[in-house]
PDB file of N, CA and C in Angstrom:
ATOM      1  N   UNK A   1     116.780  77.442 111.491  1.00  0.00           N
ATOM      2  CA  UNK A   1     116.625  76.399 112.499  1.00  0.00           C
ATOM      3  C   UNK A   1     115.654  75.314 112.021  1.00  0.00           C
ATOM      4  N   UNK A   2     114.701  75.669 111.173  1.00  0.00           N
ATOM      5  CA  UNK A   2     113.770  74.669 110.642  1.00  0.00           C
ATOM      6  C   UNK A   2     114.514  73.592 109.864  1.00  0.00           C
ATOM      7  N   UNK A   3     115.419  74.005 108.981  1.00  0.00           N
ATOM      8  CA  UNK A   3     116.171  73.049 108.179  1.00  0.00           C
ATOM      9  C   UNK A   3     117.070  72.201 109.078  1.00  0.00           C
ATOM     10  N   UNK A   4     117.681  72.807 110.076  1.00  0.00           N
ATOM     11  CA  UNK A   4     118.502  72.059 111.021  1.00  0.00           C
ATOM     12  C   UNK A   4     117.694  71.013 111.764  1.00  0.00           C
ATOM     13  N   UNK A   5     116.453  71.323 112.105  1.00  0.00           N
ATOM     14  CA  UNK A   5     115.581  70.374 112.807  1.00  0.00           C
ATOM     15  C   UNK A   5     115.216  69.178 111.929  1.00  0.00           C
ATOM     16  N   UNK A   6     115.226  69.383 110.616  1.00  0.00           N
ATOM     17  CA  UNK A   6     114.881  68.295 109.710  1.00  0.00           C
ATOM     18  C   UNK A   6     116.030  67.302 109.522  1.00  0.00           C
ATOM     19  N   UNK A   7     117.205  67.667 109.966  1.00  0.00           N
ATOM     20  CA  UNK A   7     118.345  66.760 109.853  1.00  0.00           C
ATOM     21  C   UNK A   7     119.007  66.859 108.500  1.00  0.00           C
ATOM     22  N   UNK A   8     118.960  65.809 107.722  1.00  0.00           N
ATOM     23  CA  UNK A   8     119.631  65.746 106.430  1.00  0.00           C
ATOM     24  C   UNK A   8     118.756  66.412 105.365  1.00  0.00           C
ATOM     25  N   UNK A   9     118.741  67.740 105.363  1.00  0.00           N
ATOM     26  CA  UNK A   9     117.915  68.487 104.426  1.00  0.00           C
ATOM     27  C   UNK A   9     118.635  69.780 104.059  1.00  0.00           C
ATOM     28  N   UNK A  10     118.164  70.436 103.030  1.00  0.00           N
ATOM     29  CA  UNK A  10     118.710  71.733 102.673  1.00  0.00           C
ATOM     30  C   UNK A  10     117.583  72.602 102.132  1.00  0.00           C
ATOM     31  N   UNK A  11     117.855  73.885 102.088  1.00  0.00           N
ATOM     32  CA  UNK A  11     116.858  74.853 101.645  1.00  0.00           C
ATOM     33  C   UNK A  11     117.447  75.648 100.492  1.00  0.00           C
ATOM     34  N   UNK A  12     116.720  75.760  99.408  1.00  0.00           N
ATOM     35  CA  UNK A  12     117.193  76.556  98.279  1.00  0.00           C
ATOM     36  C   UNK A  12     116.566  77.946  98.270  1.00  0.00           C
ATOM     37  N   UNK A  13     115.437  78.103  98.968  1.00  0.00           N
ATOM     38  CA  UNK A  13     114.798  79.410  99.020  1.00  0.00           C
ATOM     39  C   UNK A  13     113.922  79.489 100.262  1.00  0.00           C
ATOM     40  N   UNK A  14     113.955  80.639 100.909  1.00  0.00           N
ATOM     41  CA  UNK A  14     113.134  80.862 102.088  1.00  0.00           C
ATOM     42  C   UNK A  14     112.631  82.295 102.010  1.00  0.00           C
ATOM     43  N   UNK A  15     111.340  82.490 102.216  1.00  0.00           N
ATOM     44  CA  UNK A  15     110.758  83.829 102.129  1.00  0.00           C
ATOM     45  C   UNK A  15     109.909  84.105 103.354  1.00  0.00           C
ATOM     46  N   UNK A  16     110.185  85.212 104.022  1.00  0.00           N
ATOM     47  CA  UNK A  16     109.369  85.621 105.158  1.00  0.00           C
ATOM     48  C   UNK A  16     108.107  86.276 104.619  1.00  0.00           C
ATOM     49  N   UNK A  17     106.956  85.834 105.102  1.00  0.00           N
ATOM     50  CA  UNK A  17     105.686  86.377 104.617  1.00  0.00           C
ATOM     51  C   UNK A  17     104.972  87.222 105.659  1.00  0.00           C
ATOM     52  N   UNK A  18     105.456  87.205 106.883  1.00  0.00           N
ATOM     53  CA  UNK A  18     104.809  87.968 107.949  1.00  0.00           C
ATOM     54  C   UNK A  18     105.821  88.214 109.061  1.00  0.00           C
ATOM     55  N   UNK A  19     105.736  89.401 109.667  1.00  0.00           N
ATOM     56  CA  UNK A  19     106.471  89.701 110.886  1.00  0.00           C
ATOM     57  C   UNK A  19     105.582  90.611 111.719  1.00  0.00           C
ATOM     58  N   UNK A  20     105.305  90.176 112.936  1.00  0.00           N
ATOM     59  CA  UNK A  20     104.380  90.926 113.779  1.00  0.00           C
ATOM     60  C   UNK A  20     103.059  91.107 113.046  1.00  0.00           C
ATOM     61  N   UNK A  21     102.525  92.324 113.019  1.00  0.00           N
ATOM     62  CA  UNK A  21     101.240  92.557 112.354  1.00  0.00           C
ATOM     63  C   UNK A  21     101.370  92.827 110.852  1.00  0.00           C
ATOM     64  N   UNK A  22     102.583  92.740 110.311  1.00  0.00           N
ATOM     65  CA  UNK A  22     102.822  93.099 108.916  1.00  0.00           C
ATOM     66  C   UNK A  22     102.910  91.860 108.041  1.00  0.00           C
ATOM     67  N   UNK A  23     102.131  91.862 106.943  1.00  0.00           N
ATOM     68  CA  UNK A  23     102.131  90.756 105.993  1.00  0.00           C
ATOM     69  C   UNK A  23     102.625  91.261 104.647  1.00  0.00           C
ATOM     70  N   UNK A  24     103.321  90.404 103.923  1.00  0.00           N
ATOM     71  CA  UNK A  24     103.905  90.805 102.649  1.00  0.00           C
ATOM     72  C   UNK A  24     102.837  91.240 101.651  1.00  0.00           C
ATOM     73  N   UNK A  25     101.656  90.641 101.694  1.00  0.00           N
ATOM     74  CA  UNK A  25     100.610  91.040 100.743  1.00  0.00           C
ATOM     75  C   UNK A  25     100.080  92.450 101.012  1.00  0.00           C
ATOM     76  N   UNK A  26     100.355  93.008 102.186  1.00  0.00           N
ATOM     77  CA  UNK A  26      99.940  94.371 102.509  1.00  0.00           C
ATOM     78  C   UNK A  26     101.038  95.396 102.237  1.00  0.00           C
ATOM     79  N   UNK A  27     102.184  94.936 101.752  1.00  0.00           N
ATOM     80  CA  UNK A  27     103.333  95.830 101.550  1.00  0.00           C
ATOM     81  C   UNK A  27     103.033  96.888 100.496  1.00  0.00           C
ATOM     82  N   UNK A  28     103.511  98.082 100.762  1.00  0.00           N
ATOM     83  CA  UNK A  28     103.369  99.200  99.837  1.00  0.00           C
ATOM     84  C   UNK A  28     104.699  99.950  99.843  1.00  0.00           C
ATOM     85  N   UNK A  29     105.478  99.852  98.784  1.00  0.00           N
ATOM     86  CA  UNK A  29     106.810 100.463  98.781  1.00  0.00           C
ATOM     87  C   UNK A  29     106.790 101.989  98.885  1.00  0.00           C
ATOM     88  N   UNK A  30     105.628 102.622  98.711  1.00  0.00           N
ATOM     89  CA  UNK A  30     105.563 104.077  98.826  1.00  0.00           C
ATOM     90  C   UNK A  30     105.205 104.529 100.235  1.00  0.00           C
ATOM     91  N   UNK A  31     104.835 103.582 101.104  1.00  0.00           N
ATOM     92  CA  UNK A  31     104.431 103.935 102.463  1.00  0.00           C
ATOM     93  C   UNK A  31     105.603 103.702 103.418  1.00  0.00           C
ATOM     94  N   UNK A  32     105.937 104.714 104.172  1.00  0.00           N
ATOM     95  CA  UNK A  32     107.000 104.602 105.160  1.00  0.00           C
ATOM     96  C   UNK A  32     106.390 104.879 106.533  1.00  0.00           C
ATOM     97  N   UNK A  33     106.537 103.910 107.441  1.00  0.00           N
ATOM     98  CA  UNK A  33     106.000 104.074 108.793  1.00  0.00           C
ATOM     99  C   UNK A  33     107.059 104.651 109.710  1.00  0.00           C
ATOM    100  N   UNK A  34     106.664 105.508 110.631  1.00  0.00           N
ATOM    101  CA  UNK A  34     107.606 105.951 111.656  1.00  0.00           C
ATOM    102  C   UNK A  34     108.049 104.743 112.487  1.00  0.00           C
ATOM    103  N   UNK A  35     109.283 104.755 112.958  1.00  0.00           N
ATOM    104  CA  UNK A  35     109.843 103.641 113.708  1.00  0.00           C
ATOM    105  C   UNK A  35     108.949 103.241 114.878  1.00  0.00           C
ATOM    106  N   UNK A  36     108.472 104.203 115.620  1.00  0.00           N
ATOM    107  CA  UNK A  36     107.634 103.920 116.779  1.00  0.00           C
ATOM    108  C   UNK A  36     106.355 103.173 116.390  1.00  0.00           C
ATOM    109  N   UNK A  37     105.759 103.535 115.259  1.00  0.00           N
ATOM    110  CA  UNK A  37     104.551 102.863 114.790  1.00  0.00           C
ATOM    111  C   UNK A  37     104.872 101.450 114.287  1.00  0.00           C
ATOM    112  N   UNK A  38     105.987 101.294 113.601  1.00  0.00           N
ATOM    113  CA  UNK A  38     106.372  99.980 113.079  1.00  0.00           C
ATOM    114  C   UNK A  38     106.660  98.985 114.197  1.00  0.00           C
ATOM    115  N   UNK A  39     107.109  99.481 115.345  1.00  0.00           N
ATOM    116  CA  UNK A  39     107.460  98.607 116.469  1.00  0.00           C
ATOM    117  C   UNK A  39     106.375  98.549 117.542  1.00  0.00           C
ATOM    118  N   UNK A  40     105.198  99.076 117.245  1.00  0.00           N
ATOM    119  CA  UNK A  40     104.120  99.142 118.234  1.00  0.00           C
ATOM    120  C   UNK A  40     103.647  97.770 118.706  1.00  0.00           C
ATOM    121  N   UNK A  41     103.945  96.704 117.969  1.00  0.00           N
ATOM    122  CA  UNK A  41     103.523  95.362 118.379  1.00  0.00           C
ATOM    123  C   UNK A  41     104.369  94.812 119.530  1.00  0.00           C
ATOM    124  N   UNK A  42     105.524  95.435 119.796  1.00  0.00           N
ATOM    125  CA  UNK A  42     106.387  94.981 120.894  1.00  0.00           C
ATOM    126  C   UNK A  42     105.932  95.587 122.224  1.00  0.00           C
ATOM    127  N   UNK A  43     106.017  94.828 123.316  1.00  0.00           N
ATOM    128  CA  UNK A  43     105.755  95.419 124.625  1.00  0.00           C
ATOM    129  C   UNK A  43     106.768  96.551 124.869  1.00  0.00           C
ATOM    130  N   UNK A  44     106.295  97.648 125.403  1.00  0.00           N
ATOM    131  CA  UNK A  44     107.129  98.846 125.572  1.00  0.00           C
ATOM    132  C   UNK A  44     107.502  99.029 127.037  1.00  0.00           C
ATOM    133  N   UNK A  45     108.767  99.330 127.274  1.00  0.00           N
ATOM    134  CA  UNK A  45     109.252  99.625 128.616  1.00  0.00           C
ATOM    135  C   UNK A  45     109.857 101.027 128.590  1.00  0.00           C
ATOM    136  N   UNK A  46     109.298 101.916 129.408  1.00  0.00           N
ATOM    137  CA  UNK A  46     109.779 103.297 129.478  1.00  0.00           C
ATOM    138  C   UNK A  46     111.025 103.367 130.367  1.00  0.00           C
ATOM    139  N   UNK A  47     112.012 104.123 129.920  1.00  0.00           N
ATOM    140  CA  UNK A  47     113.277 104.245 130.641  1.00  0.00           C
ATOM    141  C   UNK A  47     113.509 105.673 131.099  1.00  0.00           C
ATOM    142  N   UNK A  48     114.222 105.796 132.213  1.00  0.00           N
ATOM    143  CA  UNK A  48     114.674 107.119 132.635  1.00  0.00           C
ATOM    144  C   UNK A  48     115.891 107.485 131.780  1.00  0.00           C
ATOM    145  N   UNK A  49     116.330 108.751 131.802  1.00  0.00           N
ATOM    146  CA  UNK A  49     117.427 109.173 130.925  1.00  0.00           C
ATOM    147  C   UNK A  49     118.718 108.362 131.098  1.00  0.00           C
ATOM    148  N   UNK A  50     119.087 107.999 132.326  1.00  0.00           N
ATOM    149  CA  UNK A  50     120.322 107.237 132.544  1.00  0.00           C
ATOM    150  C   UNK A  50     120.228 105.841 131.928  1.00  0.00           C
ATOM    151  N   UNK A  51     119.126 105.153 132.178  1.00  0.00           N
ATOM    152  CA  UNK A  51     118.946 103.809 131.620  1.00  0.00           C
ATOM    153  C   UNK A  51     118.861 103.883 130.094  1.00  0.00           C
ATOM    154  N   UNK A  52     118.235 104.914 129.559  1.00  0.00           N
ATOM    155  CA  UNK A  52     118.134 105.073 128.108  1.00  0.00           C
ATOM    156  C   UNK A  52     119.516 105.262 127.495  1.00  0.00           C
ATOM    157  N   UNK A  53     120.370 106.050 128.138  1.00  0.00           N
ATOM    158  CA  UNK A  53     121.724 106.258 127.628  1.00  0.00           C
ATOM    159  C   UNK A  53     122.485 104.940 127.618  1.00  0.00           C
ATOM    160  N   UNK A  54     122.386 104.185 128.711  1.00  0.00           N
ATOM    161  CA  UNK A  54     123.108 102.910 128.803  1.00  0.00           C
ATOM    162  C   UNK A  54     122.590 101.924 127.758  1.00  0.00           C
ATOM    163  N   UNK A  55     121.273 101.794 127.638  1.00  0.00           N
ATOM    164  CA  UNK A  55     120.697 100.874 126.652  1.00  0.00           C
ATOM    165  C   UNK A  55     121.068 101.302 125.228  1.00  0.00           C
ATOM    166  N   UNK A  56     121.083 102.603 124.991  1.00  0.00           N
ATOM    167  CA  UNK A  56     121.447 103.118 123.676  1.00  0.00           C
ATOM    168  C   UNK A  56     122.882 102.830 123.301  1.00  0.00           C
ATOM    169  N   UNK A  57     123.712 102.544 124.301  1.00  0.00           N
ATOM    170  CA  UNK A  57     125.111 102.189 124.073  1.00  0.00           C
ATOM    171  C   UNK A  57     125.351 100.694 124.236  1.00  0.00           C
ATOM    172  N   UNK A  58     124.264  99.901 124.198  1.00  0.00           N
ATOM    173  CA  UNK A  58     124.387  98.452 124.203  1.00  0.00           C
ATOM    174  C   UNK A  58     124.551  97.800 125.556  1.00  0.00           C
ATOM    175  N   UNK A  59     124.446  98.575 126.623  1.00  0.00           N
ATOM    176  CA  UNK A  59     124.615  98.018 127.965  1.00  0.00           C
ATOM    177  C   UNK A  59     123.304  97.431 128.477  1.00  0.00           C
ATOM    178  N   UNK A  60     123.400  96.305 129.162  1.00  0.00           N
ATOM    179  CA  UNK A  60     122.223  95.712 129.797  1.00  0.00           C
ATOM    180  C   UNK A  60     121.735  96.629 130.910  1.00  0.00           C
ATOM    181  N   UNK A  61     120.432  96.615 131.116  1.00  0.00           N
ATOM    182  CA  UNK A  61     119.839  97.395 132.201  1.00  0.00           C
ATOM    183  C   UNK A  61     118.954  96.471 133.036  1.00  0.00           C
ATOM    184  N   UNK A  62     118.758  96.781 134.306  1.00  0.00           N
ATOM    185  CA  UNK A  62     117.880  95.945 135.130  1.00  0.00           C
ATOM    186  C   UNK A  62     116.454  95.973 134.601  1.00  0.00           C
ATOM    187  N   UNK A  63     115.798  94.834 134.641  1.00  0.00           N
ATOM    188  CA  UNK A  63     114.407  94.768 134.214  1.00  0.00           C
ATOM    189  C   UNK A  63     114.008  93.366 133.813  1.00  0.00           C
ATOM    190  N   UNK A  64     112.712  93.123 133.832  1.00  0.00           N
ATOM    191  CA  UNK A  64     112.173  91.823 133.446  1.00  0.00           C
ATOM    192  C   UNK A  64     110.963  92.036 132.552  1.00  0.00           C
ATOM    193  N   UNK A  65     110.673  91.033 131.744  1.00  0.00           N
ATOM    194  CA  UNK A  65     109.506  91.097 130.864  1.00  0.00           C
ATOM    195  C   UNK A  65     109.092  89.683 130.505  1.00  0.00           C
ATOM    196  N   UNK A  66     107.826  89.520 130.194  1.00  0.00           N
ATOM    197  CA  UNK A  66     107.281  88.221 129.802  1.00  0.00           C
ATOM    198  C   UNK A  66     107.124  88.118 128.291  1.00  0.00           C
ATOM    199  N   UNK A  67     108.121  88.580 127.552  1.00  0.00           N
ATOM    200  CA  UNK A  67     108.090  88.533 126.096  1.00  0.00           C
ATOM    201  C   UNK A  67     109.490  88.200 125.596  1.00  0.00           C
ATOM    202  N   UNK A  68     109.573  87.712 124.370  1.00  0.00           N
ATOM    203  CA  UNK A  68     110.873  87.367 123.794  1.00  0.00           C
ATOM    204  C   UNK A  68     111.707  88.615 123.518  1.00  0.00           C
ATOM    205  N   UNK A  69     111.039  89.687 123.089  1.00  0.00           N
ATOM    206  CA  UNK A  69     111.688  90.976 122.823  1.00  0.00           C
ATOM    207  C   UNK A  69     110.798  92.097 123.339  1.00  0.00           C
ATOM    208  N   UNK A  70     111.423  93.184 123.758  1.00  0.00           N
ATOM    209  CA  UNK A  70     110.694  94.367 124.223  1.00  0.00           C
ATOM    210  C   UNK A  70     111.297  95.610 123.582  1.00  0.00           C
ATOM    211  N   UNK A  71     110.485  96.647 123.505  1.00  0.00           N
ATOM    212  CA  UNK A  71     110.951  97.937 123.013  1.00  0.00           C
ATOM    213  C   UNK A  71     111.315  98.799 124.199  1.00  0.00           C
ATOM    214  N   UNK A  72     112.558  99.243 124.253  1.00  0.00           N
ATOM    215  CA  UNK A  72     113.001 100.182 125.287  1.00  0.00           C
ATOM    216  C   UNK A  72     112.854 101.579 124.710  1.00  0.00           C
ATOM    217  N   UNK A  73     112.202 102.464 125.448  1.00  0.00           N
ATOM    218  CA  UNK A  73     111.944 103.811 124.942  1.00  0.00           C
ATOM    219  C   UNK A  73     112.049 104.818 126.074  1.00  0.00           C
ATOM    220  N   UNK A  74     112.270 106.074 125.685  1.00  0.00           N
ATOM    221  CA  UNK A  74     112.251 107.168 126.657  1.00  0.00           C
ATOM    222  C   UNK A  74     111.363 108.275 126.096  1.00  0.00           C
ATOM    223  N   UNK A  75     111.444 109.455 126.656  1.00  0.00           N
ATOM    224  CA  UNK A  75     110.587 110.560 126.234  1.00  0.00           C
ATOM    225  C   UNK A  75     110.806 110.942 124.773  1.00  0.00           C
ATOM    226  N   UNK A  76     111.996 110.633 124.225  1.00  0.00           N
ATOM    227  CA  UNK A  76     112.296 110.961 122.832  1.00  0.00           C
ATOM    228  C   UNK A  76     111.934 109.855 121.853  1.00  0.00           C
ATOM    229  N   UNK A  77     111.450 108.704 122.361  1.00  0.00           N
ATOM    230  CA  UNK A  77     111.040 107.619 121.481  1.00  0.00           C
ATOM    231  C   UNK A  77     111.878 106.364 121.653  1.00  0.00           C
ATOM    232  N   UNK A  78     111.867 105.478 120.647  1.00  0.00           N
ATOM    233  CA  UNK A  78     112.567 104.194 120.746  1.00  0.00           C
ATOM    234  C   UNK A  78     114.071 104.355 120.959  1.00  0.00           C
ATOM    235  N   UNK A  79     114.602 103.533 121.855  1.00  0.00           N
ATOM    236  CA  UNK A  79     116.037 103.505 122.142  1.00  0.00           C
ATOM    237  C   UNK A  79     116.646 102.215 121.595  1.00  0.00           C
ATOM    238  N   UNK A  80     115.999 101.074 121.883  1.00  0.00           N
ATOM    239  CA  UNK A  80     116.538  99.777 121.468  1.00  0.00           C
ATOM    240  C   UNK A  80     115.464  98.705 121.589  1.00  0.00           C
ATOM    241  N   UNK A  81     115.702  97.591 120.921  1.00  0.00           N
ATOM    242  CA  UNK A  81     114.942  96.363 121.149  1.00  0.00           C
ATOM    243  C   UNK A  81     115.822  95.504 122.035  1.00  0.00           C
ATOM    244  N   UNK A  82     115.236  94.929 123.077  1.00  0.00           N
ATOM    245  CA  UNK A  82     116.028  94.156 124.032  1.00  0.00           C
ATOM    246  C   UNK A  82     115.420  92.780 124.269  1.00  0.00           C
ATOM    247  N   UNK A  83     116.277  91.863 124.696  1.00  0.00           N
ATOM    248  CA  UNK A  83     115.844  90.525 125.102  1.00  0.00           C
ATOM    249  C   UNK A  83     115.936  90.442 126.621  1.00  0.00           C
ATOM    250  N   UNK A  84     114.865  90.032 127.289  1.00  0.00           N
ATOM    251  CA  UNK A  84     114.944  89.777 128.726  1.00  0.00           C
ATOM    252  C   UNK A  84     115.832  88.550 128.965  1.00  0.00           C
ATOM    253  N   UNK A  85     116.716  88.632 129.941  1.00  0.00           N
ATOM    254  CA  UNK A  85     117.617  87.534 130.270  1.00  0.00           C
ATOM    255  C   UNK A  85     117.229  86.955 131.629  1.00  0.00           C
ATOM    256  N   UNK A  86     117.565  85.694 131.876  1.00  0.00           N
ATOM    257  CA  UNK A  86     117.187  85.031 133.135  1.00  0.00           C
ATOM    258  C   UNK A  86     117.759  85.709 134.385  1.00  0.00           C
ATOM    259  N   UNK A  87     118.848  86.452 134.232  1.00  0.00           N
ATOM    260  CA  UNK A  87     119.459  87.091 135.404  1.00  0.00           C
ATOM    261  C   UNK A  87     118.831  88.439 135.753  1.00  0.00           C
ATOM    262  N   UNK A  88     117.643  88.733 135.186  1.00  0.00           N
ATOM    263  CA  UNK A  88     116.919  89.948 135.552  1.00  0.00           C
ATOM    264  C   UNK A  88     117.396  91.208 134.874  1.00  0.00           C
ATOM    265  N   UNK A  89     117.968  91.080 133.681  1.00  0.00           N
ATOM    266  CA  UNK A  89     118.382  92.256 132.922  1.00  0.00           C
ATOM    267  C   UNK A  89     117.752  92.215 131.544  1.00  0.00           C
ATOM    268  N   UNK A  90     117.708  93.374 130.920  1.00  0.00           N
ATOM    269  CA  UNK A  90     117.247  93.521 129.545  1.00  0.00           C
ATOM    270  C   UNK A  90     118.477  93.844 128.708  1.00  0.00           C
ATOM    271  N   UNK A  91     118.819  92.969 127.767  1.00  0.00           N
ATOM    272  CA  UNK A  91     120.014  93.133 126.946  1.00  0.00           C
ATOM    273  C   UNK A  91     119.623  93.679 125.579  1.00  0.00           C
ATOM    274  N   UNK A  92     120.052  94.920 125.256  1.00  0.00           N
ATOM    275  CA  UNK A  92     119.760  95.470 123.936  1.00  0.00           C
ATOM    276  C   UNK A  92     120.388  94.610 122.835  1.00  0.00           C
ATOM    277  N   UNK A  93     119.598  94.297 121.812  1.00  0.00           N
ATOM    278  CA  UNK A  93     120.094  93.511 120.677  1.00  0.00           C
ATOM    279  C   UNK A  93     120.039  94.305 119.366  1.00  0.00           C
ATOM    280  N   UNK A  94     119.205  95.342 119.322  1.00  0.00           N
ATOM    281  CA  UNK A  94     119.144  96.257 118.177  1.00  0.00           C
ATOM    282  C   UNK A  94     119.027  97.661 118.747  1.00  0.00           C
ATOM    283  N   UNK A  95     119.994  98.498 118.443  1.00  0.00           N
ATOM    284  CA  UNK A  95     119.980  99.862 118.963  1.00  0.00           C
ATOM    285  C   UNK A  95     119.564 100.872 117.914  1.00  0.00           C
ATOM    286  N   UNK A  96     118.922 101.939 118.352  1.00  0.00           N
ATOM    287  CA  UNK A  96     118.500 103.002 117.445  1.00  0.00           C
ATOM    288  C   UNK A  96     119.224 104.307 117.718  1.00  0.00           C
ATOM    289  N   UNK A  97     120.013 104.351 118.779  1.00  0.00           N
ATOM    290  CA  UNK A  97     120.783 105.549 119.116  1.00  0.00           C
ATOM    291  C   UNK A  97     122.161 105.110 119.597  1.00  0.00           C
ATOM    292  N   UNK A  98     123.079 106.037 119.621  1.00  0.00           N
ATOM    293  CA  UNK A  98     124.425 105.681 120.097  1.00  0.00           C
ATOM    294  C   UNK A  98     125.101 106.842 120.731  1.00  0.00           C
TER     295      UNK A  98
END
């Protein structure tokens, strides 16, 4: 979107240097973080088993949040990353179960 905003421009290389609390200079290829720890920077919304099943299958669930993305989780851990929508639902955009 940055290149599109510039109008008549193009990009030959783009490198992400940070996402959430993680910076490329801190990367260690031998270290593997558990999913729950890697996503700890996202606001977390706890789900009951029915809502977790629906979210895990890509279905929107009722809910609101004041963030661009939220982590949907249940007693077993992360279910999905969701985007809050204006109509009062949380739409899963990345699922971890099916």
